[in-house]
PDB file of N, CA and C in Angstrom:
ATOM      1  N   MET A   1      -1.610  20.391  12.910  1.00  0.00           N
ATOM      2  CA  MET A   1      -2.688  19.676  13.538  1.00  0.00           C
ATOM      3  C   MET A   1      -2.091  18.576  14.423  1.00  0.00           C
ATOM      4  N   ALA A   2      -2.595  18.452  15.624  1.00  0.00           N
ATOM      5  CA  ALA A   2      -2.160  17.399  16.532  1.00  0.00           C
ATOM      6  C   ALA A   2      -3.038  16.170  16.329  1.00  0.00           C
ATOM      7  N   TYR A   3      -2.481  15.020  16.573  1.00  0.00           N
ATOM      8  CA  TYR A   3      -3.269  13.802  16.482  1.00  0.00           C
ATOM      9  C   TYR A   3      -3.513  13.257  17.883  1.00  0.00           C
ATOM     10  N   PRO A   4      -4.596  12.479  18.079  1.00  0.00           N
ATOM     11  CA  PRO A   4      -4.865  11.911  19.394  1.00  0.00           C
ATOM     12  C   PRO A   4      -3.671  11.082  19.874  1.00  0.00           C
ATOM     13  N   GLY A   5      -3.375  11.231  21.152  1.00  0.00           N
ATOM     14  CA  GLY A   5      -2.256  10.512  21.739  1.00  0.00           C
ATOM     15  C   GLY A   5      -0.998  11.350  21.820  1.00  0.00           C
ATOM     16  N   LEU A   6      -0.997  12.516  21.195  1.00  0.00           N
ATOM     17  CA  LEU A   6       0.167  13.386  21.218  1.00  0.00           C
ATOM     18  C   LEU A   6       0.354  13.984  22.610  1.00  0.00           C
ATOM     19  N   LEU A   7      -0.742  14.405  23.210  1.00  0.00           N
ATOM     20  CA  LEU A   7      -0.677  14.966  24.558  1.00  0.00           C
ATOM     21  C   LEU A   7      -0.657  13.841  25.587  1.00  0.00           C
ATOM     22  N   ARG A   8      -0.052  14.107  26.707  1.00  0.00           N
ATOM     23  CA  ARG A   8       0.166  13.094  27.727  1.00  0.00           C
ATOM     24  C   ARG A   8      -1.111  12.372  28.161  1.00  0.00           C
ATOM     25  N   ARG A   9      -2.221  13.079  28.314  1.00  0.00           N
ATOM     26  CA  ARG A   9      -3.448  12.463  28.832  1.00  0.00           C
ATOM     27  C   ARG A   9      -4.358  11.912  27.739  1.00  0.00           C
ATOM     28  N   ASP A  10      -3.991  12.104  26.475  1.00  0.00           N
ATOM     29  CA  ASP A  10      -4.796  11.586  25.360  1.00  0.00           C
ATOM     30  C   ASP A  10      -4.671  10.073  25.248  1.00  0.00           C
ATOM     31  N   GLU A  11      -5.716   9.461  24.742  1.00  0.00           N
ATOM     32  CA  GLU A  11      -5.649   8.038  24.422  1.00  0.00           C
ATOM     33  C   GLU A  11      -4.770   7.877  23.183  1.00  0.00           C
ATOM     34  N   LYS A  12      -3.845   6.969  23.218  1.00  0.00           N
ATOM     35  CA  LYS A  12      -2.947   6.722  22.094  1.00  0.00           C
ATOM     36  C   LYS A  12      -3.728   6.084  20.941  1.00  0.00           C
ATOM     37  N   VAL A  13      -3.300   6.351  19.710  1.00  0.00           N
ATOM     38  CA  VAL A  13      -3.967   5.825  18.519  1.00  0.00           C
ATOM     39  C   VAL A  13      -4.000   4.295  18.568  1.00  0.00           C
ATOM     40  N   GLY A  14      -2.890   3.678  18.948  1.00  0.00           N
ATOM     41  CA  GLY A  14      -2.850   2.213  19.057  1.00  0.00           C
ATOM     42  C   GLY A  14      -3.824   1.682  20.090  1.00  0.00           C
ATOM     43  N   ALA A  15      -3.993   2.410  21.201  1.00  0.00           N
ATOM     44  CA  ALA A  15      -4.943   1.993  22.232  1.00  0.00           C
ATOM     45  C   ALA A  15      -6.378   2.094  21.725  1.00  0.00           C
ATOM     46  N   MET A  16      -6.668   3.153  20.953  1.00  0.00           N
ATOM     47  CA  MET A  16      -8.007   3.283  20.356  1.00  0.00           C
ATOM     48  C   MET A  16      -8.282   2.121  19.410  1.00  0.00           C
ATOM     49  N   ALA A  17      -7.302   1.818  18.560  1.00  0.00           N
ATOM     50  CA  ALA A  17      -7.460   0.719  17.597  1.00  0.00           C
ATOM     51  C   ALA A  17      -7.666  -0.607  18.315  1.00  0.00           C
ATOM     52  N   ALA A  18      -6.930  -0.832  19.382  1.00  0.00           N
ATOM     53  CA  ALA A  18      -7.073  -2.069  20.157  1.00  0.00           C
ATOM     54  C   ALA A  18      -8.446  -2.151  20.822  1.00  0.00           C
ATOM     55  N   ARG A  19      -8.951  -1.025  21.279  1.00  0.00           N
ATOM     56  CA  ARG A  19     -10.286  -0.993  21.901  1.00  0.00           C
ATOM     57  C   ARG A  19     -11.356  -1.378  20.876  1.00  0.00           C
ATOM     58  N   VAL A  20     -11.232  -0.855  19.656  1.00  0.00           N
ATOM     59  CA  VAL A  20     -12.175  -1.211  18.587  1.00  0.00           C
ATOM     60  C   VAL A  20     -12.049  -2.693  18.261  1.00  0.00           C
ATOM     61  N   GLU A  21     -10.813  -3.180  18.167  1.00  0.00           N
ATOM     62  CA  GLU A  21     -10.586  -4.604  17.850  1.00  0.00           C
ATOM     63  C   GLU A  21     -11.224  -5.514  18.904  1.00  0.00           C
ATOM     64  N   ARG A  22     -11.100  -5.153  20.180  1.00  0.00           N
ATOM     65  CA  ARG A  22     -11.730  -5.969  21.240  1.00  0.00           C
ATOM     66  C   ARG A  22     -13.248  -6.002  21.066  1.00  0.00           C
ATOM     67  N   SER A  23     -13.834  -4.861  20.734  1.00  0.00           N
ATOM     68  CA  SER A  23     -15.278  -4.807  20.503  1.00  0.00           C
ATOM     69  C   SER A  23     -15.668  -5.657  19.304  1.00  0.00           C
ATOM     70  N   LEU A  24     -14.877  -5.594  18.254  1.00  0.00           N
ATOM     71  CA  LEU A  24     -15.166  -6.392  17.060  1.00  0.00           C
ATOM     72  C   LEU A  24     -15.067  -7.884  17.355  1.00  0.00           C
ATOM     73  N   GLN A  25     -14.122  -8.273  18.178  1.00  0.00           N
ATOM     74  CA  GLN A  25     -13.993  -9.689  18.539  1.00  0.00           C
ATOM     75  C   GLN A  25     -15.214 -10.162  19.324  1.00  0.00           C
ATOM     76  N   ARG A  26     -15.758  -9.292  20.182  1.00  0.00           N
ATOM     77  CA  ARG A  26     -16.981  -9.651  20.922  1.00  0.00           C
ATOM     78  C   ARG A  26     -18.152  -9.811  19.959  1.00  0.00           C
ATOM     79  N   VAL A  27     -18.237  -8.923  18.959  1.00  0.00           N
ATOM     80  CA  VAL A  27     -19.297  -9.041  17.958  1.00  0.00           C
ATOM     81  C   VAL A  27     -19.138 -10.357  17.205  1.00  0.00           C
ATOM     82  N   LEU A  28     -17.919 -10.684  16.798  1.00  0.00           N
ATOM     83  CA  LEU A  28     -17.676 -11.942  16.084  1.00  0.00           C
ATOM     84  C   LEU A  28     -18.092 -13.147  16.914  1.00  0.00           C
ATOM     85  N   GLU A  29     -17.793 -13.115  18.204  1.00  0.00           N
ATOM     86  CA  GLU A  29     -18.180 -14.221  19.088  1.00  0.00           C
ATOM     87  C   GLU A  29     -19.691 -14.356  19.175  1.00  0.00           C
ATOM     88  N   SER A  30     -20.398 -13.237  19.157  1.00  0.00           N
ATOM     89  CA  SER A  30     -21.848 -13.287  19.345  1.00  0.00           C
ATOM     90  C   SER A  30     -22.618 -13.614  18.072  1.00  0.00           C
ATOM     91  N   VAL A  31     -22.061 -13.331  16.894  1.00  0.00           N
ATOM     92  CA  VAL A  31     -22.814 -13.560  15.657  1.00  0.00           C
ATOM     93  C   VAL A  31     -22.422 -14.831  14.928  1.00  0.00           C
ATOM     94  N   GLY A  32     -21.311 -15.443  15.283  1.00  0.00           N
ATOM     95  CA  GLY A  32     -20.876 -16.653  14.586  1.00  0.00           C
ATOM     96  C   GLY A  32     -20.609 -16.366  13.121  1.00  0.00           C
ATOM     97  N   ASP A  33     -21.291 -17.093  12.238  1.00  0.00           N
ATOM     98  CA  ASP A  33     -21.100 -16.912  10.792  1.00  0.00           C
ATOM     99  C   ASP A  33     -22.031 -15.871  10.200  1.00  0.00           C
ATOM    100  N   GLU A  34     -22.837 -15.235  11.019  1.00  0.00           N
ATOM    101  CA  GLU A  34     -23.789 -14.229  10.539  1.00  0.00           C
ATOM    102  C   GLU A  34     -23.113 -12.866  10.436  1.00  0.00           C
ATOM    103  N   THR A  35     -23.867 -11.879  10.006  1.00  0.00           N
ATOM    104  CA  THR A  35     -23.383 -10.510   9.882  1.00  0.00           C
ATOM    105  C   THR A  35     -23.649  -9.761  11.178  1.00  0.00           C
ATOM    106  N   GLY A  36     -22.702  -8.915  11.585  1.00  0.00           N
ATOM    107  CA  GLY A  36     -22.872  -8.102  12.779  1.00  0.00           C
ATOM    108  C   GLY A  36     -22.566  -6.655  12.469  1.00  0.00           C
ATOM    109  N   ILE A  37     -22.810  -5.807  13.449  1.00  0.00           N
ATOM    110  CA  ILE A  37     -22.533  -4.374  13.275  1.00  0.00           C
ATOM    111  C   ILE A  37     -21.943  -3.832  14.569  1.00  0.00           C
ATOM    112  N   CYS A  38     -21.025  -2.906  14.413  1.00  0.00           N
ATOM    113  CA  CYS A  38     -20.396  -2.228  15.539  1.00  0.00           C
ATOM    114  C   CYS A  38     -20.362  -0.744  15.185  1.00  0.00           C
ATOM    115  N   VAL A  39     -20.844   0.110  16.062  1.00  0.00           N
ATOM    116  CA  VAL A  39     -20.943   1.549  15.795  1.00  0.00           C
ATOM    117  C   VAL A  39     -19.970   2.294  16.704  1.00  0.00           C
ATOM    118  N   SER A  40     -19.295   3.298  16.146  1.00  0.00           N
ATOM    119  CA  SER A  40     -18.347   4.082  16.923  1.00  0.00           C
ATOM    120  C   SER A  40     -18.243   5.488  16.347  1.00  0.00           C
ATOM    121  N   HIS A  41     -17.416   6.297  16.998  1.00  0.00           N
ATOM    122  CA  HIS A  41     -17.114   7.642  16.526  1.00  0.00           C
ATOM    123  C   HIS A  41     -15.969   7.586  15.515  1.00  0.00           C
ATOM    124  N   GLY A  42     -15.742   8.695  14.825  1.00  0.00           N
ATOM    125  CA  GLY A  42     -14.763   8.765  13.753  1.00  0.00           C
ATOM    126  C   GLY A  42     -13.334   8.423  14.141  1.00  0.00           C
ATOM    127  N   ASP A  43     -12.801   9.021  15.220  1.00  0.00           N
ATOM    128  CA  ASP A  43     -11.398   8.782  15.562  1.00  0.00           C
ATOM    129  C   ASP A  43     -11.101   7.314  15.858  1.00  0.00           C
ATOM    130  N   PRO A  44     -11.912   6.615  16.687  1.00  0.00           N
ATOM    131  CA  PRO A  44     -11.622   5.193  16.901  1.00  0.00           C
ATOM    132  C   PRO A  44     -11.709   4.365  15.618  1.00  0.00           C
ATOM    133  N   ILE A  45     -12.683   4.676  14.760  1.00  0.00           N
ATOM    134  CA  ILE A  45     -12.798   3.951  13.489  1.00  0.00           C
ATOM    135  C   ILE A  45     -11.548   4.198  12.649  1.00  0.00           C
ATOM    136  N   GLN A  46     -11.131   5.444  12.553  1.00  0.00           N
ATOM    137  CA  GLN A  46      -9.952   5.777  11.754  1.00  0.00           C
ATOM    138  C   GLN A  46      -8.684   5.199  12.374  1.00  0.00           C
ATOM    139  N   ALA A  47      -8.602   5.145  13.703  1.00  0.00           N
ATOM    140  CA  ALA A  47      -7.445   4.528  14.363  1.00  0.00           C
ATOM    141  C   ALA A  47      -7.361   3.049  13.986  1.00  0.00           C
ATOM    142  N   PHE A  48      -8.497   2.363  14.004  1.00  0.00           N
ATOM    143  CA  PHE A  48      -8.537   0.954  13.610  1.00  0.00           C
ATOM    144  C   PHE A  48      -8.112   0.807  12.148  1.00  0.00           C
ATOM    145  N   TRP A  49      -8.618   1.686  11.300  1.00  0.00           N
ATOM    146  CA  TRP A  49      -8.349   1.641   9.856  1.00  0.00           C
ATOM    147  C   TRP A  49      -6.863   1.837   9.553  1.00  0.00           C
ATOM    148  N   ILE A  50      -6.250   2.869  10.141  1.00  0.00           N
ATOM    149  CA  ILE A  50      -4.833   3.105   9.839  1.00  0.00           C
ATOM    150  C   ILE A  50      -3.955   2.008  10.423  1.00  0.00           C
ATOM    151  N   THR A  51      -4.367   1.428  11.544  1.00  0.00           N
ATOM    152  CA  THR A  51      -3.609   0.320  12.109  1.00  0.00           C
ATOM    153  C   THR A  51      -3.661  -0.882  11.168  1.00  0.00           C
ATOM    154  N   TYR A  52      -4.837  -1.156  10.616  1.00  0.00           N
ATOM    155  CA  TYR A  52      -4.986  -2.246   9.641  1.00  0.00           C
ATOM    156  C   TYR A  52      -4.085  -1.998   8.425  1.00  0.00           C
ATOM    157  N   LEU A  53      -3.977  -0.738   8.005  1.00  0.00           N
ATOM    158  CA  LEU A  53      -3.164  -0.381   6.836  1.00  0.00           C
ATOM    159  C   LEU A  53      -1.677  -0.211   7.183  1.00  0.00           C
ATOM    160  N   HIS A  54      -1.316  -0.407   8.452  1.00  0.00           N
ATOM    161  CA  HIS A  54       0.069  -0.275   8.928  1.00  0.00           C
ATOM    162  C   HIS A  54       0.618   1.140   8.710  1.00  0.00           C
ATOM    163  N   ARG A  55      -0.233   2.141   8.962  1.00  0.00           N
ATOM    164  CA  ARG A  55       0.193   3.539   8.846  1.00  0.00           C
ATOM    165  C   ARG A  55       0.568   4.081  10.224  1.00  0.00           C
ATOM    166  N   ARG A  56       1.311   5.143  10.224  1.00  0.00           N
ATOM    167  CA  ARG A  56       1.752   5.787  11.465  1.00  0.00           C
ATOM    168  C   ARG A  56       0.588   6.524  12.133  1.00  0.00           C
ATOM    169  N   PRO A  57       0.658   6.745  13.456  1.00  0.00           N
ATOM    170  CA  PRO A  57      -0.422   7.444  14.162  1.00  0.00           C
ATOM    171  C   PRO A  57      -0.754   8.821  13.609  1.00  0.00           C
ATOM    172  N   TRP A  58       0.244   9.552  13.099  1.00  0.00           N
ATOM    173  CA  TRP A  58      -0.038  10.895  12.577  1.00  0.00           C
ATOM    174  C   TRP A  58      -0.911  10.861  11.334  1.00  0.00           C
ATOM    175  N   ALA A  59      -1.139   9.683  10.746  1.00  0.00           N
ATOM    176  CA  ALA A  59      -1.999   9.550   9.552  1.00  0.00           C
ATOM    177  C   ALA A  59      -3.472   9.440   9.927  1.00  0.00           C
ATOM    178  N   LEU A  60      -3.792   9.544  11.209  1.00  0.00           N
ATOM    179  CA  LEU A  60      -5.167   9.339  11.680  1.00  0.00           C
ATOM    180  C   LEU A  60      -6.189  10.132  10.879  1.00  0.00           C
ATOM    181  N   HIS A  61      -5.918  11.388  10.614  1.00  0.00           N
ATOM    182  CA  HIS A  61      -6.895  12.221   9.924  1.00  0.00           C
ATOM    183  C   HIS A  61      -6.655  12.310   8.421  1.00  0.00           C
ATOM    184  N   HIS A  62      -5.739  11.516   7.908  1.00  0.00           N
ATOM    185  CA  HIS A  62      -5.522  11.476   6.457  1.00  0.00           C
ATOM    186  C   HIS A  62      -6.596  10.627   5.785  1.00  0.00           C
ATOM    187  N   LEU A  63      -7.106   9.636   6.486  1.00  0.00           N
ATOM    188  CA  LEU A  63      -8.227   8.832   6.002  1.00  0.00           C
ATOM    189  C   LEU A  63      -9.465   9.335   6.726  1.00  0.00           C
ATOM    190  N   GLN A  64     -10.487   9.670   6.008  1.00  0.00           N
ATOM    191  CA  GLN A  64     -11.684  10.188   6.650  1.00  0.00           C
ATOM    192  C   GLN A  64     -12.847   9.231   6.475  1.00  0.00           C
ATOM    193  N   CYS A  65     -13.379   8.775   7.576  1.00  0.00           N
ATOM    194  CA  CYS A  65     -14.625   8.022   7.575  1.00  0.00           C
ATOM    195  C   CYS A  65     -15.697   9.065   7.871  1.00  0.00           C
ATOM    196  N   ALA A  66     -16.354   9.533   6.820  1.00  0.00           N
ATOM    197  CA  ALA A  66     -17.322  10.619   6.942  1.00  0.00           C
ATOM    198  C   ALA A  66     -18.531  10.203   7.769  1.00  0.00           C
ATOM    199  N   LYS A  67     -19.237  11.199   8.318  1.00  0.00           N
ATOM    200  CA  LYS A  67     -20.467  10.911   9.059  1.00  0.00           C
ATOM    201  C   LYS A  67     -21.401  10.129   8.156  1.00  0.00           C
ATOM    202  N   GLY A  68     -21.861   9.000   8.639  1.00  0.00           N
ATOM    203  CA  GLY A  68     -22.745   8.139   7.860  1.00  0.00           C
ATOM    204  C   GLY A  68     -21.994   7.139   6.993  1.00  0.00           C
ATOM    205  N   GLY A  69     -20.661   7.273   6.915  1.00  0.00           N
ATOM    206  CA  GLY A  69     -19.863   6.304   6.171  1.00  0.00           C
ATOM    207  C   GLY A  69     -19.592   5.084   7.040  1.00  0.00           C
ATOM    208  N   LEU A  70     -19.064   4.044   6.436  1.00  0.00           N
ATOM    209  CA  LEU A  70     -18.761   2.856   7.231  1.00  0.00           C
ATOM    210  C   LEU A  70     -17.583   2.101   6.657  1.00  0.00           C
ATOM    211  N   LEU A  71     -16.983   1.300   7.521  1.00  0.00           N
ATOM    212  CA  LEU A  71     -15.968   0.360   7.088  1.00  0.00           C
ATOM    213  C   LEU A  71     -16.624  -1.010   7.074  1.00  0.00           C
ATOM    214  N   ALA A  72     -16.631  -1.643   5.918  1.00  0.00           N
ATOM    215  CA  ALA A  72     -17.133  -3.016   5.809  1.00  0.00           C
ATOM    216  C   ALA A  72     -15.942  -3.932   6.039  1.00  0.00           C
ATOM    217  N   LEU A  73     -16.046  -4.787   7.029  1.00  0.00           N
ATOM    218  CA  LEU A  73     -14.945  -5.662   7.417  1.00  0.00           C
ATOM    219  C   LEU A  73     -15.289  -7.105   7.069  1.00  0.00           C
ATOM    220  N   ASP A  74     -14.399  -7.761   6.378  1.00  0.00           N
ATOM    221  CA  ASP A  74     -14.578  -9.174   6.041  1.00  0.00           C
ATOM    222  C   ASP A  74     -13.575  -9.991   6.847  1.00  0.00           C
ATOM    223  N   TYR A  75     -14.090 -10.937   7.605  1.00  0.00           N
ATOM    224  CA  TYR A  75     -13.254 -11.805   8.423  1.00  0.00           C
ATOM    225  C   TYR A  75     -13.264 -13.213   7.848  1.00  0.00           C
ATOM    226  N   GLU A  76     -12.120 -13.870   7.901  1.00  0.00           N
ATOM    227  CA  GLU A  76     -11.998 -15.273   7.540  1.00  0.00           C
ATOM    228  C   GLU A  76     -11.308 -15.966   8.702  1.00  0.00           C
ATOM    229  N   ASN A  77     -11.975 -16.966   9.271  1.00  0.00           N
ATOM    230  CA  ASN A  77     -11.438 -17.680  10.436  1.00  0.00           C
ATOM    231  C   ASN A  77     -11.056 -16.720  11.562  1.00  0.00           C
ATOM    232  N   ARG A  78     -11.938 -15.753  11.805  1.00  0.00           N
ATOM    233  CA  ARG A  78     -11.773 -14.769  12.887  1.00  0.00           C
ATOM    234  C   ARG A  78     -10.587 -13.830  12.677  1.00  0.00           C
ATOM    235  N   LYS A  79     -10.029 -13.817  11.476  1.00  0.00           N
ATOM    236  CA  LYS A  79      -8.938 -12.901  11.132  1.00  0.00           C
ATOM    237  C   LYS A  79      -9.462 -11.903  10.107  1.00  0.00           C
ATOM    238  N   LEU A  80      -9.129 -10.644  10.290  1.00  0.00           N
ATOM    239  CA  LEU A  80      -9.557  -9.605   9.365  1.00  0.00           C
ATOM    240  C   LEU A  80      -8.866  -9.809   8.022  1.00  0.00           C
ATOM    241  N   ALA A  81      -9.657 -10.018   6.974  1.00  0.00           N
ATOM    242  CA  ALA A  81      -9.111 -10.293   5.651  1.00  0.00           C
ATOM    243  C   ALA A  81      -9.202  -9.084   4.720  1.00  0.00           C
ATOM    244  N   LYS A  82     -10.222  -8.247   4.917  1.00  0.00           N
ATOM    245  CA  LYS A  82     -10.430  -7.143   3.972  1.00  0.00           C
ATOM    246  C   LYS A  82     -11.203  -6.016   4.643  1.00  0.00           C
ATOM    247  N   VAL A  83     -10.806  -4.780   4.338  1.00  0.00           N
ATOM    248  CA  VAL A  83     -11.509  -3.588   4.806  1.00  0.00           C
ATOM    249  C   VAL A  83     -11.898  -2.771   3.584  1.00  0.00           C
ATOM    250  N   THR A  84     -13.175  -2.421   3.502  1.00  0.00           N
ATOM    251  CA  THR A  84     -13.663  -1.606   2.396  1.00  0.00           C
ATOM    252  C   THR A  84     -14.397  -0.408   2.967  1.00  0.00           C
ATOM    253  N   TYR A  85     -14.012   0.798   2.536  1.00  0.00           N
ATOM    254  CA  TYR A  85     -14.712   1.998   2.979  1.00  0.00           C
ATOM    255  C   TYR A  85     -15.921   2.216   2.081  1.00  0.00           C
ATOM    256  N   VAL A  86     -17.070   2.454   2.706  1.00  0.00           N
ATOM    257  CA  VAL A  86     -18.312   2.738   1.982  1.00  0.00           C
ATOM    258  C   VAL A  86     -18.737   4.148   2.374  1.00  0.00           C
ATOM    259  N   PRO A  87     -18.645   5.102   1.439  1.00  0.00           N
ATOM    260  CA  PRO A  87     -19.007   6.483   1.783  1.00  0.00           C
ATOM    261  C   PRO A  87     -20.504   6.606   2.039  1.00  0.00           C
ATOM    262  N   PRO A  88     -20.905   7.658   2.760  1.00  0.00           N
ATOM    263  CA  PRO A  88     -22.336   7.839   3.023  1.00  0.00           C
ATOM    264  C   PRO A  88     -23.096   8.059   1.718  1.00  0.00           C
ATOM    265  N   GLN A  89     -24.303   7.587   1.707  1.00  0.00           N
ATOM    266  CA  GLN A  89     -25.168   7.771   0.541  1.00  0.00           C
ATOM    267  C   GLN A  89     -25.803   9.152   0.612  1.00  0.00           C
ATOM    268  N   VAL A  90     -25.840   9.839  -0.495  1.00  0.00           N
ATOM    269  CA  VAL A  90     -26.472  11.146  -0.552  1.00  0.00           C
ATOM    270  C   VAL A  90     -27.950  10.925  -0.853  1.00  0.00           C
ATOM    271  N   ALA A  91     -28.780  11.444   0.018  1.00  0.00           N
ATOM    272  CA  ALA A  91     -30.225  11.276  -0.156  1.00  0.00           C
ATOM    273  C   ALA A  91     -30.716  12.162  -1.294  1.00  0.00           C
ATOM    274  N   ALA A  92     -31.636  11.637  -2.053  1.00  0.00           N
ATOM    275  CA  ALA A  92     -32.238  12.425  -3.124  1.00  0.00           C
ATOM    276  C   ALA A  92     -33.177  13.457  -2.503  1.00  0.00           C
ATOM    277  N   PRO A  93     -33.286  14.631  -3.108  1.00  0.00           N
ATOM    278  CA  PRO A  93     -34.215  15.621  -2.561  1.00  0.00           C
ATOM    279  C   PRO A  93     -35.652  15.108  -2.687  1.00  0.00           C
ATOM    280  N   PRO A  94     -36.518  15.541  -1.781  1.00  0.00           N
ATOM    281  CA  PRO A  94     -37.907  15.076  -1.859  1.00  0.00           C
ATOM    282  C   PRO A  94     -38.560  15.507  -3.177  1.00  0.00           C
ATOM    283  N   ALA A  95     -39.419  14.662  -3.670  1.00  0.00           N
ATOM    284  CA  ALA A  95     -40.136  14.972  -4.909  1.00  0.00           C
ATOM    285  C   ALA A  95     -41.138  16.076  -4.634  1.00  0.00           C
ATOM    286  N   PRO A  96     -41.324  16.987  -5.606  1.00  0.00           N
ATOM    287  CA  PRO A  96     -42.335  18.062  -5.405  1.00  0.00           C
ATOM    288  C   PRO A  96     -43.731  17.452  -5.330  1.00  0.00           C
ATOM    289  N   VAL A  97     -44.551  18.091  -4.533  1.00  0.00           N
ATOM    290  CA  VAL A  97     -45.935  17.603  -4.334  1.00  0.00           C
ATOM    291  C   VAL A  97     -46.891  18.320  -5.235  1.00  0.00           C
TER     292      VAL A  97
END
């Protein structure tokens, strides 16, 4: 399996992670001490995640942020202090009528 950034015209994993970080910094500036949200696709989220964990680019698909899952990010003094993965919630089947 190839990872993003392997081919010449692909966006590098580090560039994806930096793009997410810039977006997160804008969210932090706009919300102050409140809670904010940033939505993205799987690869950029995973690129940010592996960069935070100091993993190599080829580890991009070793961590999976499933559809509907999220990374909860805790910042202290505008510095990322903690990342927690929250898997998607499985909806209960509808009750019979």
